[in-house]
């Protein structure tokens, strides 16, 4: 696997976990946003937040992979966005929202760990 050749990632289990979590979160948010798009105006805020988080999490994963000096700042912002989006998703009974909320909470936790590292 290519990531095993990136020294700063392969030597940092916490970073690898965060990268994986961010990509999983982006997938869940894209799925949730797509489902929300078919459910009408009541889901507009959920859709918007999910799209924002999908972009933030993929960007954060890329920053970690390149060992950016901005990664810890972006980790904190990403964690905040994940938590806000999870709060929104939890307000809806739809399965995609509930699954997304769980993934968002996990991602927020790994990003908080990276922000404080």
PDB file of N, CA and C in Angstrom:
ATOM      1  N   UNK A   1       0.842  -1.180   0.000  1.00  0.00           N
ATOM      2  CA  UNK A   1       0.000   0.000   0.000  1.00  0.00           C
ATOM      3  C   UNK A   1       0.887   1.244   0.000  1.00  0.00           C
ATOM      4  N   UNK A   2       0.498   2.234  -0.750  1.00  0.00           N
ATOM      5  CA  UNK A   2       1.295   3.445  -0.908  1.00  0.00           C
ATOM      6  C   UNK A   2       1.461   4.211   0.399  1.00  0.00           C
ATOM      7  N   UNK A   3       0.427   4.237   1.240  1.00  0.00           N
ATOM      8  CA  UNK A   3       0.514   5.014   2.470  1.00  0.00           C
ATOM      9  C   UNK A   3       1.555   4.470   3.437  1.00  0.00           C
ATOM     10  N   UNK A   4       1.887   3.212   3.320  1.00  0.00           N
ATOM     11  CA  UNK A   4       2.910   2.661   4.211  1.00  0.00           C
ATOM     12  C   UNK A   4       4.278   3.229   3.874  1.00  0.00           C
ATOM     13  N   UNK A   5       4.406   3.846   2.713  1.00  0.00           N
ATOM     14  CA  UNK A   5       5.678   4.441   2.310  1.00  0.00           C
ATOM     15  C   UNK A   5       5.799   5.892   2.760  1.00  0.00           C
ATOM     16  N   UNK A   6       4.734   6.489   3.272  1.00  0.00           N
ATOM     17  CA  UNK A   6       4.778   7.860   3.768  1.00  0.00           C
ATOM     18  C   UNK A   6       5.178   7.790   5.236  1.00  0.00           C
ATOM     19  N   UNK A   7       6.434   8.102   5.505  1.00  0.00           N
ATOM     20  CA  UNK A   7       7.001   7.903   6.842  1.00  0.00           C
ATOM     21  C   UNK A   7       6.177   8.563   7.947  1.00  0.00           C
ATOM     22  N   UNK A   8       5.824   9.825   7.795  1.00  0.00           N
ATOM     23  CA  UNK A   8       5.135  10.528   8.879  1.00  0.00           C
ATOM     24  C   UNK A   8       3.731   9.970   9.122  1.00  0.00           C
ATOM     25  N   UNK A   9       3.160   9.281   8.149  1.00  0.00           N
ATOM     26  CA  UNK A   9       1.854   8.650   8.350  1.00  0.00           C
ATOM     27  C   UNK A   9       2.028   7.246   8.912  1.00  0.00           C
ATOM     28  N   UNK A  10       2.913   6.466   8.309  1.00  0.00           N
ATOM     29  CA  UNK A  10       3.078   5.076   8.738  1.00  0.00           C
ATOM     30  C   UNK A  10       3.624   4.972  10.158  1.00  0.00           C
ATOM     31  N   UNK A  11       4.336   5.991  10.601  1.00  0.00           N
ATOM     32  CA  UNK A  11       4.906   5.979  11.947  1.00  0.00           C
ATOM     33  C   UNK A  11       3.963   6.578  12.987  1.00  0.00           C
ATOM     34  N   UNK A  12       2.816   7.075  12.554  1.00  0.00           N
ATOM     35  CA  UNK A  12       1.887   7.740  13.454  1.00  0.00           C
ATOM     36  C   UNK A  12       0.508   7.092  13.326  1.00  0.00           C
ATOM     37  N   UNK A  13       0.238   6.148  14.203  1.00  0.00           N
ATOM     38  CA  UNK A  13      -1.020   5.404  14.160  1.00  0.00           C
ATOM     39  C   UNK A  13      -2.231   6.327  14.317  1.00  0.00           C
ATOM     40  N   UNK A  14      -2.089   7.338  15.161  1.00  0.00           N
ATOM     41  CA  UNK A  14      -3.179   8.292  15.390  1.00  0.00           C
ATOM     42  C   UNK A  14      -3.512   9.063  14.104  1.00  0.00           C
ATOM     43  N   UNK A  15      -2.493   9.450  13.362  1.00  0.00           N
ATOM     44  CA  UNK A  15      -2.707  10.164  12.107  1.00  0.00           C
ATOM     45  C   UNK A  15      -3.368   9.254  11.081  1.00  0.00           C
ATOM     46  N   UNK A  16      -2.912   8.017  10.989  1.00  0.00           N
ATOM     47  CA  UNK A  16      -3.492   7.080  10.035  1.00  0.00           C
ATOM     48  C   UNK A  16      -4.969   6.843  10.365  1.00  0.00           C
ATOM     49  N   UNK A  17      -5.282   6.719  11.646  1.00  0.00           N
ATOM     50  CA  UNK A  17      -6.662   6.532  12.065  1.00  0.00           C
ATOM     51  C   UNK A  17      -7.516   7.742  11.686  1.00  0.00           C
ATOM     52  N   UNK A  18      -6.972   8.921  11.845  1.00  0.00           N
ATOM     53  CA  UNK A  18      -7.702  10.143  11.508  1.00  0.00           C
ATOM     54  C   UNK A  18      -7.927  10.244  10.001  1.00  0.00           C
ATOM     55  N   UNK A  19      -6.919   9.932   9.216  1.00  0.00           N
ATOM     56  CA  UNK A  19      -7.072   9.947   7.761  1.00  0.00           C
ATOM     57  C   UNK A  19      -8.176   8.983   7.347  1.00  0.00           C
ATOM     58  N   UNK A  20      -8.136   7.767   7.863  1.00  0.00           N
ATOM     59  CA  UNK A  20      -9.169   6.773   7.537  1.00  0.00           C
ATOM     60  C   UNK A  20     -10.549   7.266   7.962  1.00  0.00           C
ATOM     61  N   UNK A  21     -10.620   7.838   9.153  1.00  0.00           N
ATOM     62  CA  UNK A  21     -11.885   8.334   9.679  1.00  0.00           C
ATOM     63  C   UNK A  21     -12.428   9.476   8.822  1.00  0.00           C
ATOM     64  N   UNK A  22     -11.542  10.354   8.387  1.00  0.00           N
ATOM     65  CA  UNK A  22     -11.961  11.476   7.536  1.00  0.00           C
ATOM     66  C   UNK A  22     -12.530  10.991   6.205  1.00  0.00           C
ATOM     67  N   UNK A  23     -11.878  10.016   5.594  1.00  0.00           N
ATOM     68  CA  UNK A  23     -12.393   9.510   4.322  1.00  0.00           C
ATOM     69  C   UNK A  23     -13.721   8.761   4.511  1.00  0.00           C
ATOM     70  N   UNK A  24     -13.847   8.025   5.593  1.00  0.00           N
ATOM     71  CA  UNK A  24     -15.115   7.350   5.881  1.00  0.00           C
ATOM     72  C   UNK A  24     -16.221   8.380   6.112  1.00  0.00           C
ATOM     73  N   UNK A  25     -15.893   9.434   6.822  1.00  0.00           N
ATOM     74  CA  UNK A  25     -16.854  10.488   7.104  1.00  0.00           C
ATOM     75  C   UNK A  25     -17.291  11.178   5.810  1.00  0.00           C
ATOM     76  N   UNK A  26     -16.358  11.462   4.932  1.00  0.00           N
ATOM     77  CA  UNK A  26     -16.694  12.098   3.659  1.00  0.00           C
ATOM     78  C   UNK A  26     -17.672  11.230   2.871  1.00  0.00           C
ATOM     79  N   UNK A  27     -17.443   9.927   2.862  1.00  0.00           N
ATOM     80  CA  UNK A  27     -18.346   9.021   2.150  1.00  0.00           C
ATOM     81  C   UNK A  27     -19.737   9.028   2.767  1.00  0.00           C
ATOM     82  N   UNK A  28     -19.808   8.972   4.090  1.00  0.00           N
ATOM     83  CA  UNK A  28     -21.104   8.972   4.768  1.00  0.00           C
ATOM     84  C   UNK A  28     -21.841  10.284   4.522  1.00  0.00           C
ATOM     85  N   UNK A  29     -21.116  11.389   4.562  1.00  0.00           N
ATOM     86  CA  UNK A  29     -21.738  12.703   4.351  1.00  0.00           C
ATOM     87  C   UNK A  29     -22.225  12.871   2.918  1.00  0.00           C
ATOM     88  N   UNK A  30     -21.460  12.394   1.967  1.00  0.00           N
ATOM     89  CA  UNK A  30     -21.910  12.474   0.569  1.00  0.00           C
ATOM     90  C   UNK A  30     -23.177  11.643   0.366  1.00  0.00           C
ATOM     91  N   UNK A  31     -23.214  10.467   0.968  1.00  0.00           N
ATOM     92  CA  UNK A  31     -24.402   9.613   0.882  1.00  0.00           C
ATOM     93  C   UNK A  31     -25.595  10.306   1.534  1.00  0.00           C
ATOM     94  N   UNK A  32     -25.392  10.836   2.718  1.00  0.00           N
ATOM     95  CA  UNK A  32     -26.466  11.501   3.446  1.00  0.00           C
ATOM     96  C   UNK A  32     -26.971  12.719   2.666  1.00  0.00           C
ATOM     97  N   UNK A  33     -26.066  13.522   2.154  1.00  0.00           N
ATOM     98  CA  UNK A  33     -26.454  14.709   1.381  1.00  0.00           C
ATOM     99  C   UNK A  33     -27.258  14.319   0.151  1.00  0.00           C
ATOM    100  N   UNK A  34     -26.827  13.269  -0.521  1.00  0.00           N
ATOM    101  CA  UNK A  34     -27.541  12.801  -1.711  1.00  0.00           C
ATOM    102  C   UNK A  34     -28.959  12.352  -1.356  1.00  0.00           C
ATOM    103  N   UNK A  35     -29.083  11.627  -0.256  1.00  0.00           N
ATOM    104  CA  UNK A  35     -30.409  11.178   0.185  1.00  0.00           C
ATOM    105  C   UNK A  35     -31.274  12.369   0.607  1.00  0.00           C
ATOM    106  N   UNK A  36     -30.678  13.329   1.295  1.00  0.00           N
ATOM    107  CA  UNK A  36     -31.410  14.515   1.743  1.00  0.00           C
ATOM    108  C   UNK A  36     -31.927  15.340   0.562  1.00  0.00           C
ATOM    109  N   UNK A  37     -31.180  15.343  -0.522  1.00  0.00           N
ATOM    110  CA  UNK A  37     -31.578  16.116  -1.701  1.00  0.00           C
ATOM    111  C   UNK A  37     -32.931  15.648  -2.244  1.00  0.00           C
ATOM    112  N   UNK A  38     -33.247  14.391  -2.030  1.00  0.00           N
ATOM    113  CA  UNK A  38     -34.512  13.834  -2.512  1.00  0.00           C
ATOM    114  C   UNK A  38     -35.653  13.994  -1.516  1.00  0.00           C
ATOM    115  N   UNK A  39     -35.372  14.552  -0.352  1.00  0.00           N
ATOM    116  CA  UNK A  39     -36.370  14.591   0.712  1.00  0.00           C
ATOM    117  C   UNK A  39     -36.971  15.974   0.962  1.00  0.00           C
ATOM    118  N   UNK A  40     -36.635  16.954   0.175  1.00  0.00           N
ATOM    119  CA  UNK A  40     -37.289  18.250   0.274  1.00  0.00           C
ATOM    120  C   UNK A  40     -36.571  19.270   1.130  1.00  0.00           C
ATOM    121  N   UNK A  41     -37.225  20.423   1.271  1.00  0.00           N
ATOM    122  CA  UNK A  41     -36.631  21.574   1.954  1.00  0.00           C
ATOM    123  C   UNK A  41     -36.333  21.334   3.424  1.00  0.00           C
ATOM    124  N   UNK A  42     -37.057  20.438   4.066  1.00  0.00           N
ATOM    125  CA  UNK A  42     -36.822  20.171   5.486  1.00  0.00           C
ATOM    126  C   UNK A  42     -35.407  19.655   5.749  1.00  0.00           C
ATOM    127  N   UNK A  43     -34.771  19.150   4.707  1.00  0.00           N
ATOM    128  CA  UNK A  43     -33.445  18.559   4.864  1.00  0.00           C
ATOM    129  C   UNK A  43     -32.335  19.461   4.321  1.00  0.00           C
ATOM    130  N   UNK A  44     -32.666  20.693   3.984  1.00  0.00           N
ATOM    131  CA  UNK A  44     -31.696  21.589   3.349  1.00  0.00           C
ATOM    132  C   UNK A  44     -30.473  21.837   4.227  1.00  0.00           C
ATOM    133  N   UNK A  45     -30.676  22.085   5.515  1.00  0.00           N
ATOM    134  CA  UNK A  45     -29.543  22.360   6.402  1.00  0.00           C
ATOM    135  C   UNK A  45     -28.665  21.117   6.566  1.00  0.00           C
ATOM    136  N   UNK A  46     -29.287  19.971   6.668  1.00  0.00           N
ATOM    137  CA  UNK A  46     -28.528  18.720   6.776  1.00  0.00           C
ATOM    138  C   UNK A  46     -27.681  18.519   5.520  1.00  0.00           C
ATOM    139  N   UNK A  47     -28.280  18.744   4.379  1.00  0.00           N
ATOM    140  CA  UNK A  47     -27.576  18.596   3.112  1.00  0.00           C
ATOM    141  C   UNK A  47     -26.380  19.553   3.050  1.00  0.00           C
ATOM    142  N   UNK A  48     -26.597  20.803   3.406  1.00  0.00           N
ATOM    143  CA  UNK A  48     -25.508  21.792   3.349  1.00  0.00           C
ATOM    144  C   UNK A  48     -24.354  21.422   4.284  1.00  0.00           C
ATOM    145  N   UNK A  49     -24.701  21.080   5.514  1.00  0.00           N
ATOM    146  CA  UNK A  49     -23.649  20.726   6.481  1.00  0.00           C
ATOM    147  C   UNK A  49     -22.891  19.481   6.049  1.00  0.00           C
ATOM    148  N   UNK A  50     -23.607  18.485   5.542  1.00  0.00           N
ATOM    149  CA  UNK A  50     -22.940  17.261   5.087  1.00  0.00           C
ATOM    150  C   UNK A  50     -21.969  17.554   3.948  1.00  0.00           C
ATOM    151  N   UNK A  51     -22.364  18.411   3.039  1.00  0.00           N
ATOM    152  CA  UNK A  51     -21.471  18.761   1.931  1.00  0.00           C
ATOM    153  C   UNK A  51     -20.248  19.512   2.443  1.00  0.00           C
ATOM    154  N   UNK A  52     -20.445  20.433   3.389  1.00  0.00           N
ATOM    155  CA  UNK A  52     -19.305  21.157   3.976  1.00  0.00           C
ATOM    156  C   UNK A  52     -18.341  20.188   4.648  1.00  0.00           C
ATOM    157  N   UNK A  53     -18.875  19.270   5.431  1.00  0.00           N
ATOM    158  CA  UNK A  53     -18.021  18.322   6.152  1.00  0.00           C
ATOM    159  C   UNK A  53     -17.308  17.385   5.189  1.00  0.00           C
ATOM    160  N   UNK A  54     -17.977  16.944   4.144  1.00  0.00           N
ATOM    161  CA  UNK A  54     -17.315  16.076   3.159  1.00  0.00           C
ATOM    162  C   UNK A  54     -16.097  16.788   2.571  1.00  0.00           C
ATOM    163  N   UNK A  55     -16.245  18.064   2.260  1.00  0.00           N
ATOM    164  CA  UNK A  55     -15.114  18.821   1.725  1.00  0.00           C
ATOM    165  C   UNK A  55     -14.022  19.021   2.771  1.00  0.00           C
ATOM    166  N   UNK A  56     -14.420  19.371   3.987  1.00  0.00           N
ATOM    167  CA  UNK A  56     -13.433  19.601   5.052  1.00  0.00           C
ATOM    168  C   UNK A  56     -12.651  18.335   5.394  1.00  0.00           C
ATOM    169  N   UNK A  57     -13.343  17.218   5.507  1.00  0.00           N
ATOM    170  CA  UNK A  57     -12.657  15.984   5.906  1.00  0.00           C
ATOM    171  C   UNK A  57     -11.679  15.516   4.836  1.00  0.00           C
ATOM    172  N   UNK A  58     -12.052  15.629   3.575  1.00  0.00           N
ATOM    173  CA  UNK A  58     -11.108  15.207   2.534  1.00  0.00           C
ATOM    174  C   UNK A  58      -9.914  16.159   2.480  1.00  0.00           C
ATOM    175  N   UNK A  59     -10.175  17.454   2.679  1.00  0.00           N
ATOM    176  CA  UNK A  59      -9.070  18.412   2.699  1.00  0.00           C
ATOM    177  C   UNK A  59      -8.152  18.137   3.896  1.00  0.00           C
ATOM    178  N   UNK A  60      -8.735  17.865   5.059  1.00  0.00           N
ATOM    179  CA  UNK A  60      -7.923  17.587   6.233  1.00  0.00           C
ATOM    180  C   UNK A  60      -7.064  16.344   6.022  1.00  0.00           C
ATOM    181  N   UNK A  61      -7.632  15.306   5.433  1.00  0.00           N
ATOM    182  CA  UNK A  61      -6.855  14.090   5.154  1.00  0.00           C
ATOM    183  C   UNK A  61      -5.687  14.400   4.216  1.00  0.00           C
ATOM    184  N   UNK A  62      -5.923  15.233   3.226  1.00  0.00           N
ATOM    185  CA  UNK A  62      -4.846  15.605   2.306  1.00  0.00           C
ATOM    186  C   UNK A  62      -3.768  16.414   3.020  1.00  0.00           C
ATOM    187  N   UNK A  63      -4.172  17.317   3.930  1.00  0.00           N
ATOM    188  CA  UNK A  63      -3.197  18.103   4.684  1.00  0.00           C
ATOM    189  C   UNK A  63      -2.342  17.212   5.576  1.00  0.00           C
ATOM    190  N   UNK A  64      -2.967  16.207   6.188  1.00  0.00           N
ATOM    191  CA  UNK A  64      -2.195  15.281   7.019  1.00  0.00           C
ATOM    192  C   UNK A  64      -1.216  14.500   6.166  1.00  0.00           C
ATOM    193  N   UNK A  65      -1.651  14.040   4.994  1.00  0.00           N
ATOM    194  CA  UNK A  65      -0.776  13.254   4.122  1.00  0.00           C
ATOM    195  C   UNK A  65       0.441  14.048   3.677  1.00  0.00           C
ATOM    196  N   UNK A  66       0.282  15.361   3.518  1.00  0.00           N
ATOM    197  CA  UNK A  66       1.417  16.182   3.083  1.00  0.00           C
ATOM    198  C   UNK A  66       2.173  16.778   4.258  1.00  0.00           C
ATOM    199  N   UNK A  67       1.750  16.424   5.478  1.00  0.00           N
ATOM    200  CA  UNK A  67       2.406  16.886   6.698  1.00  0.00           C
ATOM    201  C   UNK A  67       2.382  18.417   6.809  1.00  0.00           C
ATOM    202  N   UNK A  68       1.248  18.992   6.470  1.00  0.00           N
ATOM    203  CA  UNK A  68       1.093  20.442   6.472  1.00  0.00           C
ATOM    204  C   UNK A  68       1.148  21.003   7.882  1.00  0.00           C
ATOM    205  N   UNK A  69       1.744  22.156   8.007  1.00  0.00           N
ATOM    206  CA  UNK A  69       1.786  22.862   9.278  1.00  0.00           C
ATOM    207  C   UNK A  69       0.416  23.380   9.708  1.00  0.00           C
ATOM    208  N   UNK A  70      -0.528  23.404   8.782  1.00  0.00           N
ATOM    209  CA  UNK A  70      -1.884  23.865   9.086  1.00  0.00           C
ATOM    210  C   UNK A  70      -2.808  22.727   9.513  1.00  0.00           C
ATOM    211  N   UNK A  71      -2.298  21.533   9.524  1.00  0.00           N
ATOM    212  CA  UNK A  71      -3.129  20.360   9.791  1.00  0.00           C
ATOM    213  C   UNK A  71      -3.827  20.404  11.148  1.00  0.00           C
ATOM    214  N   UNK A  72      -3.121  20.816  12.198  1.00  0.00           N
ATOM    215  CA  UNK A  72      -3.763  20.819  13.521  1.00  0.00           C
ATOM    216  C   UNK A  72      -4.854  21.879  13.613  1.00  0.00           C
ATOM    217  N   UNK A  73      -4.649  23.030  12.976  1.00  0.00           N
ATOM    218  CA  UNK A  73      -5.709  24.044  12.941  1.00  0.00           C
ATOM    219  C   UNK A  73      -6.928  23.525  12.177  1.00  0.00           C
ATOM    220  N   UNK A  74      -6.676  22.884  11.050  1.00  0.00           N
ATOM    221  CA  UNK A  74      -7.759  22.342  10.247  1.00  0.00           C
ATOM    222  C   UNK A  74      -8.459  21.195  10.975  1.00  0.00           C
ATOM    223  N   UNK A  75      -7.708  20.449  11.779  1.00  0.00           N
ATOM    224  CA  UNK A  75      -8.301  19.364  12.561  1.00  0.00           C
ATOM    225  C   UNK A  75      -9.360  19.899  13.516  1.00  0.00           C
ATOM    226  N   UNK A  76      -9.072  21.004  14.168  1.00  0.00           N
ATOM    227  CA  UNK A  76     -10.019  21.599  15.119  1.00  0.00           C
ATOM    228  C   UNK A  76     -11.276  22.091  14.403  1.00  0.00           C
ATOM    229  N   UNK A  77     -11.095  22.747  13.274  1.00  0.00           N
ATOM    230  CA  UNK A  77     -12.236  23.232  12.490  1.00  0.00           C
ATOM    231  C   UNK A  77     -13.073  22.061  11.988  1.00  0.00           C
ATOM    232  N   UNK A  78     -12.408  21.024  11.521  1.00  0.00           N
ATOM    233  CA  UNK A  78     -13.106  19.848  11.016  1.00  0.00           C
ATOM    234  C   UNK A  78     -13.898  19.178  12.137  1.00  0.00           C
ATOM    235  N   UNK A  79     -13.306  19.068  13.304  1.00  0.00           N
ATOM    236  CA  UNK A  79     -14.009  18.476  14.453  1.00  0.00           C
ATOM    237  C   UNK A  79     -15.261  19.280  14.798  1.00  0.00           C
ATOM    238  N   UNK A  80     -15.133  20.604  14.820  1.00  0.00           N
ATOM    239  CA  UNK A  80     -16.301  21.457  15.096  1.00  0.00           C
ATOM    240  C   UNK A  80     -17.403  21.246  14.069  1.00  0.00           C
ATOM    241  N   UNK A  81     -17.023  21.210  12.801  1.00  0.00           N
ATOM    242  CA  UNK A  81     -18.004  21.018  11.733  1.00  0.00           C
ATOM    243  C   UNK A  81     -18.660  19.641  11.830  1.00  0.00           C
ATOM    244  N   UNK A  82     -17.873  18.621  12.159  1.00  0.00           N
ATOM    245  CA  UNK A  82     -18.426  17.267  12.320  1.00  0.00           C
ATOM    246  C   UNK A  82     -19.453  17.244  13.444  1.00  0.00           C
ATOM    247  N   UNK A  83     -19.134  17.895  14.543  1.00  0.00           N
ATOM    248  CA  UNK A  83     -20.064  17.913  15.677  1.00  0.00           C
ATOM    249  C   UNK A  83     -21.351  18.659  15.335  1.00  0.00           C
ATOM    250  N   UNK A  84     -21.235  19.788  14.649  1.00  0.00           N
ATOM    251  CA  UNK A  84     -22.432  20.535  14.254  1.00  0.00           C
ATOM    252  C   UNK A  84     -23.294  19.719  13.295  1.00  0.00           C
ATOM    253  N   UNK A  85     -22.649  19.068  12.354  1.00  0.00           N
ATOM    254  CA  UNK A  85     -23.375  18.252  11.387  1.00  0.00           C
ATOM    255  C   UNK A  85     -24.028  17.051  12.076  1.00  0.00           C
ATOM    256  N   UNK A  86     -23.332  16.425  13.004  1.00  0.00           N
ATOM    257  CA  UNK A  86     -23.903  15.299  13.750  1.00  0.00           C
ATOM    258  C   UNK A  86     -25.134  15.733  14.528  1.00  0.00           C
ATOM    259  N   UNK A  87     -25.067  16.914  15.144  1.00  0.00           N
ATOM    260  CA  UNK A  87     -26.231  17.446  15.863  1.00  0.00           C
ATOM    261  C   UNK A  87     -27.424  17.585  14.928  1.00  0.00           C
ATOM    262  N   UNK A  88     -27.171  18.068  13.719  1.00  0.00           N
ATOM    263  CA  UNK A  88     -28.250  18.226  12.730  1.00  0.00           C
ATOM    264  C   UNK A  88     -28.771  16.864  12.286  1.00  0.00           C
ATOM    265  N   UNK A  89     -27.875  15.964  11.941  1.00  0.00           N
ATOM    266  CA  UNK A  89     -28.296  14.639  11.461  1.00  0.00           C
ATOM    267  C   UNK A  89     -29.121  13.899  12.511  1.00  0.00           C
ATOM    268  N   UNK A  90     -28.734  14.044  13.771  1.00  0.00           N
ATOM    269  CA  UNK A  90     -29.444  13.340  14.841  1.00  0.00           C
ATOM    270  C   UNK A  90     -30.886  13.804  15.008  1.00  0.00           C
ATOM    271  N   UNK A  91     -31.232  14.954  14.465  1.00  0.00           N
ATOM    272  CA  UNK A  91     -32.591  15.459  14.556  1.00  0.00           C
ATOM    273  C   UNK A  91     -33.539  14.767  13.575  1.00  0.00           C
ATOM    274  N   UNK A  92     -32.991  13.993  12.653  1.00  0.00           N
ATOM    275  CA  UNK A  92     -33.798  13.356  11.608  1.00  0.00           C
ATOM    276  C   UNK A  92     -33.842  11.846  11.826  1.00  0.00           C
ATOM    277  N   UNK A  93     -34.989  11.262  11.559  1.00  0.00           N
ATOM    278  CA  UNK A  93     -35.185   9.826  11.766  1.00  0.00           C
ATOM    279  C   UNK A  93     -34.629   8.959  10.643  1.00  0.00           C
ATOM    280  N   UNK A  94     -34.312   9.554   9.521  1.00  0.00           N
ATOM    281  CA  UNK A  94     -33.844   8.782   8.366  1.00  0.00           C
ATOM    282  C   UNK A  94     -32.596   7.978   8.724  1.00  0.00           C
ATOM    283  N   UNK A  95     -32.550   6.745   8.229  1.00  0.00           N
ATOM    284  CA  UNK A  95     -31.415   5.865   8.522  1.00  0.00           C
ATOM    285  C   UNK A  95     -30.090   6.499   8.092  1.00  0.00           C
ATOM    286  N   UNK A  96     -30.075   7.117   6.914  1.00  0.00           N
ATOM    287  CA  UNK A  96     -28.823   7.708   6.433  1.00  0.00           C
ATOM    288  C   UNK A  96     -28.337   8.804   7.370  1.00  0.00           C
ATOM    289  N   UNK A  97     -29.252   9.549   7.964  1.00  0.00           N
ATOM    290  CA  UNK A  97     -28.860  10.596   8.908  1.00  0.00           C
ATOM    291  C   UNK A  97     -28.308   9.995  10.201  1.00  0.00           C
ATOM    292  N   UNK A  98     -28.924   8.937  10.683  1.00  0.00           N
ATOM    293  CA  UNK A  98     -28.469   8.307  11.919  1.00  0.00           C
ATOM    294  C   UNK A  98     -27.098   7.654  11.742  1.00  0.00           C
ATOM    295  N   UNK A  99     -26.903   6.978  10.613  1.00  0.00           N
ATOM    296  CA  UNK A  99     -25.600   6.373  10.318  1.00  0.00           C
ATOM    297  C   UNK A  99     -24.544   7.465  10.180  1.00  0.00           C
ATOM    298  N   UNK A 100     -24.895   8.509   9.458  1.00  0.00           N
ATOM    299  CA  UNK A 100     -23.962   9.617   9.252  1.00  0.00           C
ATOM    300  C   UNK A 100     -23.576  10.253  10.584  1.00  0.00           C
ATOM    301  N   UNK A 101     -24.539  10.458  11.465  1.00  0.00           N
ATOM    302  CA  UNK A 101     -24.259  11.067  12.769  1.00  0.00           C
ATOM    303  C   UNK A 101     -23.238  10.243  13.553  1.00  0.00           C
ATOM    304  N   UNK A 102     -23.381   8.921  13.525  1.00  0.00           N
ATOM    305  CA  UNK A 102     -22.422   8.060  14.229  1.00  0.00           C
ATOM    306  C   UNK A 102     -21.012   8.209  13.652  1.00  0.00           C
ATOM    307  N   UNK A 103     -20.915   8.206  12.331  1.00  0.00           N
ATOM    308  CA  UNK A 103     -19.614   8.340  11.674  1.00  0.00           C
ATOM    309  C   UNK A 103     -19.023   9.719  11.966  1.00  0.00           C
ATOM    310  N   UNK A 104     -19.877  10.745  11.953  1.00  0.00           N
ATOM    311  CA  UNK A 104     -19.431  12.103  12.255  1.00  0.00           C
ATOM    312  C   UNK A 104     -18.858  12.213  13.663  1.00  0.00           C
ATOM    313  N   UNK A 105     -19.499  11.590  14.634  1.00  0.00           N
ATOM    314  CA  UNK A 105     -19.010  11.640  16.019  1.00  0.00           C
ATOM    315  C   UNK A 105     -17.629  10.997  16.123  1.00  0.00           C
ATOM    316  N   UNK A 106     -17.461   9.863  15.453  1.00  0.00           N
ATOM    317  CA  UNK A 106     -16.155   9.196  15.471  1.00  0.00           C
ATOM    318  C   UNK A 106     -15.082  10.070  14.826  1.00  0.00           C
ATOM    319  N   UNK A 107     -15.425  10.684  13.720  1.00  0.00           N
ATOM    320  CA  UNK A 107     -14.471  11.537  13.015  1.00  0.00           C
ATOM    321  C   UNK A 107     -14.115  12.756  13.867  1.00  0.00           C
ATOM    322  N   UNK A 108     -15.108  13.344  14.499  1.00  0.00           N
ATOM    323  CA  UNK A 108     -14.844  14.504  15.363  1.00  0.00           C
ATOM    324  C   UNK A 108     -13.843  14.137  16.449  1.00  0.00           C
ATOM    325  N   UNK A 109     -13.992  12.953  17.004  1.00  0.00           N
ATOM    326  CA  UNK A 109     -13.085  12.514  18.069  1.00  0.00           C
ATOM    327  C   UNK A 109     -11.651  12.352  17.562  1.00  0.00           C
ATOM    328  N   UNK A 110     -11.479  11.712  16.399  1.00  0.00           N
ATOM    329  CA  UNK A 110     -10.120  11.527  15.888  1.00  0.00           C
ATOM    330  C   UNK A 110      -9.503  12.870  15.481  1.00  0.00           C
ATOM    331  N   UNK A 111     -10.337  13.773  14.970  1.00  0.00           N
ATOM    332  CA  UNK A 111      -9.817  15.097  14.605  1.00  0.00           C
ATOM    333  C   UNK A 111      -9.429  15.893  15.852  1.00  0.00           C
ATOM    334  N   UNK A 112     -10.201  15.780  16.928  1.00  0.00           N
ATOM    335  CA  UNK A 112      -9.846  16.464  18.177  1.00  0.00           C
ATOM    336  C   UNK A 112      -8.510  15.945  18.686  1.00  0.00           C
ATOM    337  N   UNK A 113      -8.319  14.630  18.586  1.00  0.00           N
ATOM    338  CA  UNK A 113      -7.035  14.052  19.009  1.00  0.00           C
ATOM    339  C   UNK A 113      -5.881  14.639  18.199  1.00  0.00           C
ATOM    340  N   UNK A 114      -6.090  14.811  16.891  1.00  0.00           N
ATOM    341  CA  UNK A 114      -5.048  15.363  16.028  1.00  0.00           C
ATOM    342  C   UNK A 114      -4.820  16.851  16.328  1.00  0.00           C
ATOM    343  N   UNK A 115      -5.877  17.553  16.676  1.00  0.00           N
ATOM    344  CA  UNK A 115      -5.756  18.987  16.966  1.00  0.00           C
ATOM    345  C   UNK A 115      -4.933  19.219  18.228  1.00  0.00           C
ATOM    346  N   UNK A 116      -5.013  18.273  19.152  1.00  0.00           N
ATOM    347  CA  UNK A 116      -4.298  18.440  20.416  1.00  0.00           C
ATOM    348  C   UNK A 116      -2.914  17.766  20.405  1.00  0.00           C
ATOM    349  N   UNK A 117      -2.590  17.120  19.300  1.00  0.00           N
ATOM    350  CA  UNK A 117      -1.296  16.416  19.220  1.00  0.00           C
ATOM    351  C   UNK A 117      -0.148  17.369  19.007  1.00  0.00           C
TER     352      UNK A 117
END
